[in-house]
Amino acid sequence: MTNMALFKRRTPGRPGEWYYCLKHGTVEEGPQCRAADRFGPYATREEAAHAMTTVRERNEEWREAEERWTGEPPDDPPDHRSR
């Protein structure tokens, strides 16, 4: 008989690793929420707190690079929040 509890274990958090939880909009030390709901790890709490700004900046850099490469702006990704 299989012990289903094995499949519910989470990776324990590590002090000094910081994450930004997308679901709760909060910074957490060590992974507290599931991987699909967080960005990280970050080296500092402050880096994790600015995760969404970092994402926006990197997305804009990607869009600019894509436009330089192809000569036209990339399509916007679908907005999954509207579902």
PDB file of N, CA and C in Angstrom:
ATOM      1  N   MET A   1       0.836  -1.173   0.000  1.00  0.00           N
ATOM      2  CA  MET A   1       0.000   0.000   0.000  1.00  0.00           C
ATOM      3  C   MET A   1       0.890   1.249   0.000  1.00  0.00           C
ATOM      4  N   THR A   2       0.552   2.222  -0.835  1.00  0.00           N
ATOM      5  CA  THR A   2       1.343   3.430  -0.967  1.00  0.00           C
ATOM      6  C   THR A   2       0.928   4.454   0.069  1.00  0.00           C
ATOM      7  N   ASN A   3       1.911   5.097   0.648  1.00  0.00           N
ATOM      8  CA  ASN A   3       1.634   6.149   1.619  1.00  0.00           C
ATOM      9  C   ASN A   3       1.474   7.462   0.873  1.00  0.00           C
ATOM     10  N   MET A   4       0.257   7.958   0.726  1.00  0.00           N
ATOM     11  CA  MET A   4      -0.024   9.167  -0.033  1.00  0.00           C
ATOM     12  C   MET A   4       0.589  10.408   0.610  1.00  0.00           C
ATOM     13  N   ALA A   5       0.899  10.349   1.878  1.00  0.00           N
ATOM     14  CA  ALA A   5       1.497  11.506   2.549  1.00  0.00           C
ATOM     15  C   ALA A   5       2.836  11.878   1.918  1.00  0.00           C
ATOM     16  N   LEU A   6       3.523  10.913   1.333  1.00  0.00           N
ATOM     17  CA  LEU A   6       4.804  11.193   0.686  1.00  0.00           C
ATOM     18  C   LEU A   6       4.656  12.213  -0.423  1.00  0.00           C
ATOM     19  N   PHE A   7       3.528  12.226  -1.088  1.00  0.00           N
ATOM     20  CA  PHE A   7       3.323  13.120  -2.213  1.00  0.00           C
ATOM     21  C   PHE A   7       2.908  14.520  -1.783  1.00  0.00           C
ATOM     22  N   LYS A   8       2.649  14.734  -0.526  1.00  0.00           N
ATOM     23  CA  LYS A   8       2.226  16.034  -0.047  1.00  0.00           C
ATOM     24  C   LYS A   8       3.344  16.807   0.643  1.00  0.00           C
ATOM     25  N   ARG A   9       4.510  16.226   0.719  1.00  0.00           N
ATOM     26  CA  ARG A   9       5.627  16.908   1.366  1.00  0.00           C
ATOM     27  C   ARG A   9       6.052  18.109   0.547  1.00  0.00           C
ATOM     28  N   ARG A  10       6.424  19.141   1.241  1.00  0.00           N
ATOM     29  CA  ARG A  10       6.955  20.329   0.587  1.00  0.00           C
ATOM     30  C   ARG A  10       8.430  20.445   0.923  1.00  0.00           C
ATOM     31  N   THR A  11       9.156  21.096   0.040  1.00  0.00           N
ATOM     32  CA  THR A  11      10.561  21.347   0.310  1.00  0.00           C
ATOM     33  C   THR A  11      10.648  22.316   1.480  1.00  0.00           C
ATOM     34  N   PRO A  12      11.399  21.971   2.512  1.00  0.00           N
ATOM     35  CA  PRO A  12      11.489  22.898   3.645  1.00  0.00           C
ATOM     36  C   PRO A  12      12.183  24.187   3.229  1.00  0.00           C
ATOM     37  N   GLY A  13      11.755  25.279   3.840  1.00  0.00           N
ATOM     38  CA  GLY A  13      12.366  26.567   3.542  1.00  0.00           C
ATOM     39  C   GLY A  13      13.783  26.635   4.069  1.00  0.00           C
ATOM     40  N   ARG A  14      14.593  27.409   3.388  1.00  0.00           N
ATOM     41  CA  ARG A  14      15.970  27.615   3.817  1.00  0.00           C
ATOM     42  C   ARG A  14      16.139  29.068   4.224  1.00  0.00           C
ATOM     43  N   PRO A  15      16.652  29.293   5.402  1.00  0.00           N
ATOM     44  CA  PRO A  15      16.914  30.680   5.804  1.00  0.00           C
ATOM     45  C   PRO A  15      17.856  31.339   4.796  1.00  0.00           C
ATOM     46  N   GLY A  16      17.546  32.567   4.453  1.00  0.00           N
ATOM     47  CA  GLY A  16      18.401  33.298   3.516  1.00  0.00           C
ATOM     48  C   GLY A  16      17.959  33.200   2.073  1.00  0.00           C
ATOM     49  N   GLU A  17      16.995  32.351   1.750  1.00  0.00           N
ATOM     50  CA  GLU A  17      16.424  32.307   0.408  1.00  0.00           C
ATOM     51  C   GLU A  17      15.079  33.013   0.463  1.00  0.00           C
ATOM     52  N   TRP A  18      14.885  33.969  -0.392  1.00  0.00           N
ATOM     53  CA  TRP A  18      13.671  34.776  -0.385  1.00  0.00           C
ATOM     54  C   TRP A  18      12.887  34.548  -1.664  1.00  0.00           C
ATOM     55  N   TYR A  19      11.580  34.540  -1.540  1.00  0.00           N
ATOM     56  CA  TYR A  19      10.677  34.308  -2.662  1.00  0.00           C
ATOM     57  C   TYR A  19       9.588  35.370  -2.665  1.00  0.00           C
ATOM     58  N   TYR A  20       9.026  35.614  -3.850  1.00  0.00           N
ATOM     59  CA  TYR A  20       7.854  36.473  -3.951  1.00  0.00           C
ATOM     60  C   TYR A  20       6.678  35.590  -4.310  1.00  0.00           C
ATOM     61  N   CYS A  21       5.656  35.553  -3.464  1.00  0.00           N
ATOM     62  CA  CYS A  21       4.482  34.729  -3.693  1.00  0.00           C
ATOM     63  C   CYS A  21       3.490  35.502  -4.550  1.00  0.00           C
ATOM     64  N   LEU A  22       3.219  34.987  -5.748  1.00  0.00           N
ATOM     65  CA  LEU A  22       2.280  35.630  -6.666  1.00  0.00           C
ATOM     66  C   LEU A  22       0.843  35.536  -6.168  1.00  0.00           C
ATOM     67  N   LYS A  23       0.524  34.450  -5.512  1.00  0.00           N
ATOM     68  CA  LYS A  23      -0.836  34.227  -5.035  1.00  0.00           C
ATOM     69  C   LYS A  23      -1.210  35.214  -3.930  1.00  0.00           C
ATOM     70  N   HIS A  24      -0.290  35.437  -3.006  1.00  0.00           N
ATOM     71  CA  HIS A  24      -0.572  36.289  -1.851  1.00  0.00           C
ATOM     72  C   HIS A  24       0.015  37.697  -1.982  1.00  0.00           C
ATOM     73  N   GLY A  25       0.908  37.903  -2.965  1.00  0.00           N
ATOM     74  CA  GLY A  25       1.539  39.211  -3.125  1.00  0.00           C
ATOM     75  C   GLY A  25       2.453  39.573  -1.979  1.00  0.00           C
ATOM     76  N   THR A  26       3.115  38.546  -1.425  1.00  0.00           N
ATOM     77  CA  THR A  26       3.972  38.765  -0.259  1.00  0.00           C
ATOM     78  C   THR A  26       5.351  38.155  -0.477  1.00  0.00           C
ATOM     79  N   VAL A  27       6.291  38.618   0.331  1.00  0.00           N
ATOM     80  CA  VAL A  27       7.644  38.067   0.350  1.00  0.00           C
ATOM     81  C   VAL A  27       7.690  37.003   1.430  1.00  0.00           C
ATOM     82  N   GLU A  28       8.336  35.885   1.127  1.00  0.00           N
ATOM     83  CA  GLU A  28       8.458  34.810   2.116  1.00  0.00           C
ATOM     84  C   GLU A  28       9.892  34.297   2.149  1.00  0.00           C
ATOM     85  N   GLU A  29      10.340  33.935   3.335  1.00  0.00           N
ATOM     86  CA  GLU A  29      11.678  33.362   3.486  1.00  0.00           C
ATOM     87  C   GLU A  29      11.564  31.855   3.390  1.00  0.00           C
ATOM     88  N   GLY A  30      12.315  31.296   2.471  1.00  0.00           N
ATOM     89  CA  GLY A  30      12.180  29.874   2.199  1.00  0.00           C
ATOM     90  C   GLY A  30      10.870  29.642   1.469  1.00  0.00           C
ATOM     91  N   PRO A  31      10.781  28.617   0.640  1.00  0.00           N
ATOM     92  CA  PRO A  31       9.533  28.409  -0.097  1.00  0.00           C
ATOM     93  C   PRO A  31       8.406  27.990   0.841  1.00  0.00           C
ATOM     94  N   GLN A  32       7.386  28.806   0.912  1.00  0.00           N
ATOM     95  CA  GLN A  32       6.230  28.481   1.741  1.00  0.00           C
ATOM     96  C   GLN A  32       5.038  28.095   0.875  1.00  0.00           C
ATOM     97  N   CYS A  33       4.907  28.737  -0.274  1.00  0.00           N
ATOM     98  CA  CYS A  33       3.827  28.419  -1.199  1.00  0.00           C
ATOM     99  C   CYS A  33       4.372  27.545  -2.319  1.00  0.00           C
ATOM    100  N   ARG A  34       3.467  26.962  -3.084  1.00  0.00           N
ATOM    101  CA  ARG A  34       3.905  26.033  -4.136  1.00  0.00           C
ATOM    102  C   ARG A  34       4.693  26.764  -5.222  1.00  0.00           C
ATOM    103  N   ALA A  35       5.567  26.041  -5.909  1.00  0.00           N
ATOM    104  CA  ALA A  35       6.487  26.615  -6.882  1.00  0.00           C
ATOM    105  C   ALA A  35       5.768  27.381  -7.991  1.00  0.00           C
ATOM    106  N   ALA A  36       4.621  26.914  -8.430  1.00  0.00           N
ATOM    107  CA  ALA A  36       3.882  27.584  -9.504  1.00  0.00           C
ATOM    108  C   ALA A  36       3.377  28.957  -9.075  1.00  0.00           C
ATOM    109  N   ASP A  37       3.352  29.236  -7.790  1.00  0.00           N
ATOM    110  CA  ASP A  37       2.824  30.502  -7.269  1.00  0.00           C
ATOM    111  C   ASP A  37       3.904  31.456  -6.783  1.00  0.00           C
ATOM    112  N   ARG A  38       5.164  31.219  -7.149  1.00  0.00           N
ATOM    113  CA  ARG A  38       6.200  32.092  -6.608  1.00  0.00           C
ATOM    114  C   ARG A  38       7.330  32.322  -7.602  1.00  0.00           C
ATOM    115  N   PHE A  39       8.036  33.419  -7.400  1.00  0.00           N
ATOM    116  CA  PHE A  39       9.279  33.730  -8.108  1.00  0.00           C
ATOM    117  C   PHE A  39      10.400  33.606  -7.094  1.00  0.00           C
ATOM    118  N   GLY A  40      11.562  33.178  -7.549  1.00  0.00           N
ATOM    119  CA  GLY A  40      12.721  33.111  -6.665  1.00  0.00           C
ATOM    120  C   GLY A  40      13.468  31.810  -6.839  1.00  0.00           C
ATOM    121  N   PRO A  41      14.495  31.602  -6.084  1.00  0.00           N
ATOM    122  CA  PRO A  41      14.876  32.369  -4.907  1.00  0.00           C
ATOM    123  C   PRO A  41      15.659  33.635  -5.254  1.00  0.00           C
ATOM    124  N   TYR A  42      15.570  34.598  -4.360  1.00  0.00           N
ATOM    125  CA  TYR A  42      16.333  35.831  -4.417  1.00  0.00           C
ATOM    126  C   TYR A  42      17.296  35.833  -3.236  1.00  0.00           C
ATOM    127  N   ALA A  43      18.392  36.568  -3.393  1.00  0.00           N
ATOM    128  CA  ALA A  43      19.415  36.596  -2.342  1.00  0.00           C
ATOM    129  C   ALA A  43      18.994  37.429  -1.139  1.00  0.00           C
ATOM    130  N   THR A  44      18.134  38.423  -1.368  1.00  0.00           N
ATOM    131  CA  THR A  44      17.732  39.290  -0.261  1.00  0.00           C
ATOM    132  C   THR A  44      16.222  39.487  -0.254  1.00  0.00           C
ATOM    133  N   ARG A  45      15.721  39.906   0.886  1.00  0.00           N
ATOM    134  CA  ARG A  45      14.298  40.219   1.026  1.00  0.00           C
ATOM    135  C   ARG A  45      13.911  41.358   0.081  1.00  0.00           C
ATOM    136  N   GLU A  46      14.781  42.359  -0.029  1.00  0.00           N
ATOM    137  CA  GLU A  46      14.497  43.512  -0.887  1.00  0.00           C
ATOM    138  C   GLU A  46      14.390  43.099  -2.362  1.00  0.00           C
ATOM    139  N   GLU A  47      15.275  42.224  -2.829  1.00  0.00           N
ATOM    140  CA  GLU A  47      15.179  41.739  -4.213  1.00  0.00           C
ATOM    141  C   GLU A  47      13.838  41.043  -4.442  1.00  0.00           C
ATOM    142  N   ALA A  48      13.430  40.229  -3.506  1.00  0.00           N
ATOM    143  CA  ALA A  48      12.151  39.534  -3.632  1.00  0.00           C
ATOM    144  C   ALA A  48      10.990  40.521  -3.627  1.00  0.00           C
ATOM    145  N   ALA A  49      11.086  41.562  -2.821  1.00  0.00           N
ATOM    146  CA  ALA A  49      10.019  42.559  -2.747  1.00  0.00           C
ATOM    147  C   ALA A  49       9.853  43.309  -4.057  1.00  0.00           C
ATOM    148  N   HIS A  50      10.904  43.408  -4.854  1.00  0.00           N
ATOM    149  CA  HIS A  50      10.860  44.105  -6.134  1.00  0.00           C
ATOM    150  C   HIS A  50      10.722  43.137  -7.311  1.00  0.00           C
ATOM    151  N   ALA A  51      10.290  41.927  -7.045  1.00  0.00           N
ATOM    152  CA  ALA A  51      10.201  40.903  -8.094  1.00  0.00           C
ATOM    153  C   ALA A  51       9.335  41.338  -9.266  1.00  0.00           C
ATOM    154  N   MET A  52       8.188  41.930  -9.002  1.00  0.00           N
ATOM    155  CA  MET A  52       7.288  42.309 -10.096  1.00  0.00           C
ATOM    156  C   MET A  52       7.883  43.426 -10.946  1.00  0.00           C
ATOM    157  N   THR A  53       8.610  44.343 -10.338  1.00  0.00           N
ATOM    158  CA  THR A  53       9.298  45.391 -11.096  1.00  0.00           C
ATOM    159  C   THR A  53      10.369  44.771 -11.978  1.00  0.00           C
ATOM    160  N   THR A  54      11.120  43.825 -11.428  1.00  0.00           N
ATOM    161  CA  THR A  54      12.154  43.131 -12.188  1.00  0.00           C
ATOM    162  C   THR A  54      11.539  42.396 -13.378  1.00  0.00           C
ATOM    163  N   VAL A  55      10.404  41.749 -13.165  1.00  0.00           N
ATOM    164  CA  VAL A  55       9.725  41.026 -14.244  1.00  0.00           C
ATOM    165  C   VAL A  55       9.305  41.999 -15.343  1.00  0.00           C
ATOM    166  N   ARG A  56       8.697  43.122 -14.972  1.00  0.00           N
ATOM    167  CA  ARG A  56       8.273  44.110 -15.972  1.00  0.00           C
ATOM    168  C   ARG A  56       9.469  44.631 -16.774  1.00  0.00           C
ATOM    169  N   GLU A  57      10.577  44.915 -16.088  1.00  0.00           N
ATOM    170  CA  GLU A  57      11.769  45.415 -16.773  1.00  0.00           C
ATOM    171  C   GLU A  57      12.320  44.370 -17.740  1.00  0.00           C
ATOM    172  N   ARG A  58      12.386  43.132 -17.318  1.00  0.00           N
ATOM    173  CA  ARG A  58      12.909  42.076 -18.194  1.00  0.00           C
ATOM    174  C   ARG A  58      11.983  41.819 -19.373  1.00  0.00           C
ATOM    175  N   ASN A  59      10.679  41.887 -19.133  1.00  0.00           N
ATOM    176  CA  ASN A  59       9.730  41.711 -20.243  1.00  0.00           C
ATOM    177  C   ASN A  59       9.895  42.813 -21.275  1.00  0.00           C
ATOM    178  N   GLU A  60      10.093  44.050 -20.808  1.00  0.00           N
ATOM    179  CA  GLU A  60      10.288  45.169 -21.738  1.00  0.00           C
ATOM    180  C   GLU A  60      11.588  44.996 -22.510  1.00  0.00           C
ATOM    181  N   GLU A  61      12.654  44.565 -21.851  1.00  0.00           N
ATOM    182  CA  GLU A  61      13.923  44.294 -22.542  1.00  0.00           C
ATOM    183  C   GLU A  61      13.731  43.225 -23.608  1.00  0.00           C
ATOM    184  N   TRP A  62      12.973  42.180 -23.285  1.00  0.00           N
ATOM    185  CA  TRP A  62      12.708  41.109 -24.237  1.00  0.00           C
ATOM    186  C   TRP A  62      11.944  41.644 -25.443  1.00  0.00           C
ATOM    187  N   ARG A  63      10.910  42.455 -25.188  1.00  0.00           N
ATOM    188  CA  ARG A  63      10.109  43.017 -26.282  1.00  0.00           C
ATOM    189  C   ARG A  63      10.979  43.869 -27.205  1.00  0.00           C
ATOM    190  N   GLU A  64      11.848  44.697 -26.624  1.00  0.00           N
ATOM    191  CA  GLU A  64      12.733  45.543 -27.432  1.00  0.00           C
ATOM    192  C   GLU A  64      13.704  44.703 -28.246  1.00  0.00           C
ATOM    193  N   ALA A  65      14.275  43.660 -27.641  1.00  0.00           N
ATOM    194  CA  ALA A  65      15.202  42.784 -28.361  1.00  0.00           C
ATOM    195  C   ALA A  65      14.479  42.037 -29.481  1.00  0.00           C
ATOM    196  N   GLU A  66      13.268  41.567 -29.207  1.00  0.00           N
ATOM    197  CA  GLU A  66      12.482  40.856 -30.219  1.00  0.00           C
ATOM    198  C   GLU A  66      12.168  41.772 -31.397  1.00  0.00           C
ATOM    199  N   GLU A  67      11.836  43.006 -31.097  1.00  0.00           N
ATOM    200  CA  GLU A  67      11.522  43.951 -32.168  1.00  0.00           C
ATOM    201  C   GLU A  67      12.760  44.256 -33.014  1.00  0.00           C
ATOM    202  N   ARG A  68      13.918  44.409 -32.364  1.00  0.00           N
ATOM    203  CA  ARG A  68      15.167  44.621 -33.116  1.00  0.00           C
ATOM    204  C   ARG A  68      15.479  43.423 -33.989  1.00  0.00           C
ATOM    205  N   TRP A  69      15.238  42.225 -33.483  1.00  0.00           N
ATOM    206  CA  TRP A  69      15.568  40.990 -34.199  1.00  0.00           C
ATOM    207  C   TRP A  69      14.634  40.754 -35.389  1.00  0.00           C
ATOM    208  N   THR A  70      13.344  40.945 -35.187  1.00  0.00           N
ATOM    209  CA  THR A  70      12.373  40.628 -36.244  1.00  0.00           C
ATOM    210  C   THR A  70      11.915  41.834 -37.050  1.00  0.00           C
ATOM    211  N   GLY A  71      12.122  43.044 -36.517  1.00  0.00           N
ATOM    212  CA  GLY A  71      11.664  44.234 -37.205  1.00  0.00           C
ATOM    213  C   GLY A  71      10.220  44.588 -36.906  1.00  0.00           C
ATOM    214  N   GLU A  72       9.560  43.796 -36.067  1.00  0.00           N
ATOM    215  CA  GLU A  72       8.185  44.109 -35.678  1.00  0.00           C
ATOM    216  C   GLU A  72       7.963  43.720 -34.225  1.00  0.00           C
ATOM    217  N   PRO A  73       7.016  44.392 -33.570  1.00  0.00           N
ATOM    218  CA  PRO A  73       6.783  44.074 -32.154  1.00  0.00           C
ATOM    219  C   PRO A  73       6.197  42.679 -31.987  1.00  0.00           C
ATOM    220  N   PRO A  74       6.583  41.991 -30.914  1.00  0.00           N
ATOM    221  CA  PRO A  74       6.024  40.650 -30.652  1.00  0.00           C
ATOM    222  C   PRO A  74       4.568  40.749 -30.225  1.00  0.00           C
ATOM    223  N   ASP A  75       3.832  39.674 -30.424  1.00  0.00           N
ATOM    224  CA  ASP A  75       2.459  39.615 -29.946  1.00  0.00           C
ATOM    225  C   ASP A  75       2.453  39.643 -28.432  1.00  0.00           C
ATOM    226  N   ASP A  76       1.439  40.295 -27.878  1.00  0.00           N
ATOM    227  CA  ASP A  76       1.290  40.272 -26.425  1.00  0.00           C
ATOM    228  C   ASP A  76       0.807  38.898 -25.999  1.00  0.00           C
ATOM    229  N   PRO A  77       1.333  38.382 -24.875  1.00  0.00           N
ATOM    230  CA  PRO A  77       0.837  37.093 -24.390  1.00  0.00           C
ATOM    231  C   PRO A  77      -0.604  37.239 -23.918  1.00  0.00           C
ATOM    232  N   PRO A  78      -1.361  36.144 -23.927  1.00  0.00           N
ATOM    233  CA  PRO A  78      -2.749  36.230 -23.455  1.00  0.00           C
ATOM    234  C   PRO A  78      -2.786  36.574 -21.971  1.00  0.00           C
ATOM    235  N   ASP A  79      -3.817  37.274 -21.577  1.00  0.00           N
ATOM    236  CA  ASP A  79      -3.995  37.639 -20.174  1.00  0.00           C
ATOM    237  C   ASP A  79      -4.793  36.531 -19.493  1.00  0.00           C
ATOM    238  N   HIS A  80      -4.102  35.689 -18.739  1.00  0.00           N
ATOM    239  CA  HIS A  80      -4.748  34.533 -18.107  1.00  0.00           C
ATOM    240  C   HIS A  80      -5.614  34.933 -16.913  1.00  0.00           C
ATOM    241  N   ARG A  81      -5.445  36.143 -16.427  1.00  0.00           N
ATOM    242  CA  ARG A  81      -6.220  36.580 -15.264  1.00  0.00           C
ATOM    243  C   ARG A  81      -7.685  36.809 -15.614  1.00  0.00           C
ATOM    244  N   SER A  82      -7.987  37.006 -16.887  1.00  0.00           N
ATOM    245  CA  SER A  82      -9.371  37.321 -17.262  1.00  0.00           C
ATOM    246  C   SER A  82     -10.271  36.104 -17.329  1.00  0.00           C
ATOM    247  N   ARG A  83      -9.731  34.937 -17.060  1.00  0.00           N
ATOM    248  CA  ARG A  83     -10.538  33.721 -17.102  1.00  0.00           C
ATOM    249  C   ARG A  83     -11.448  33.589 -15.927  1.00  0.00           C
TER     250      ARG A  83
END
